[in-house]
Amino acid sequence: MIRRLAAGAILLGIWTLAWLGAGRQSFMLPAPWDVANAFVDHWDLLAEHGAITLAEIFIGLFLGVGFGVLAALALALWRPAALWLWPLFVATQALPVFAIAPLLVLWLGYGLASKVAMAALIIFFPVASGFYDGLRRTDPDLLDLARTMNAGPLATLRQIRVPAALPGLASGLKVGAAVAPIGAVVGEWVGSSAGLGFLMLHANARLQVPLMFAALFLLATMAVILHAAIAACLRRALPWVHDTLDAPRP
């Protein structure tokens, strides 16, 4: 706790020095207290748009995790899928998200669907990759034991491969939680009528820079809380892999 407070104080100090170095030009870099005032003065507006972005993140996370898990299972169970589909999945990650977002808005409209699809698309690959990698790296001795006991493919998957792959899935979930806001906000930047991304664009266009920073701060706070909540749930659900789930400590 003390380290976090010290880190926060250091960041505020650096921010204040940068504001002074910029000539106290709030339209370029607002002071921390100006952002705090904007956060308080426009809380209702921030909460309204933040709730929309949070809904997009949660729905996108649910869909991205679900499709990621199903894709990893399909790749592990059906070898042709791994040979043909995995390179396609990797290729989709090479495309910049800003190149995909306009297409999703064109196909799905300016409403919630395009933002959810964008978030799910970004979350999908870390989850699928982590879970699939865990399924491939099952202890060979355990697989030999399953074959010796005449266990079928589904029984081996359920009793051995999936439990062994849970640390990989947990890592993918943590990465997905961290990047989930990116998809929602990028979708809002491309085309929307609500959300924190929409609010940031309009605040920037009106030179309401403190309000823009307040929206950015709220988005970052949501991402940190979501990541911490998922990590805490994973620690409770998978206590035997705490070394994988815990953040490194000095």
Foldseek 3Di string as FASTA:
>chain_A
DVVVVVVVVVVLVVLQVVCVVVVVPVLVRHHPVLLVVLCVVCVVQLVFQAVLLVVLLVLLLVLLLVLLVVLLVCVLPPVVCVVPVVVVLVVVVVDDLLVVLVVLCVVPNQDSRSLSPQLSSVLNVLQNVLLNVQLVPFDVVLVVVCVVVVHDPVRCCVPTRNVSSVLSNLRSSLVSLLCSSVSNLSNVCSHYDGHLNVVLVVCSVVSVSSNNVNSVVSSVVSSVVSSVVSLVVCCVVCVVPNVSSDDDDD
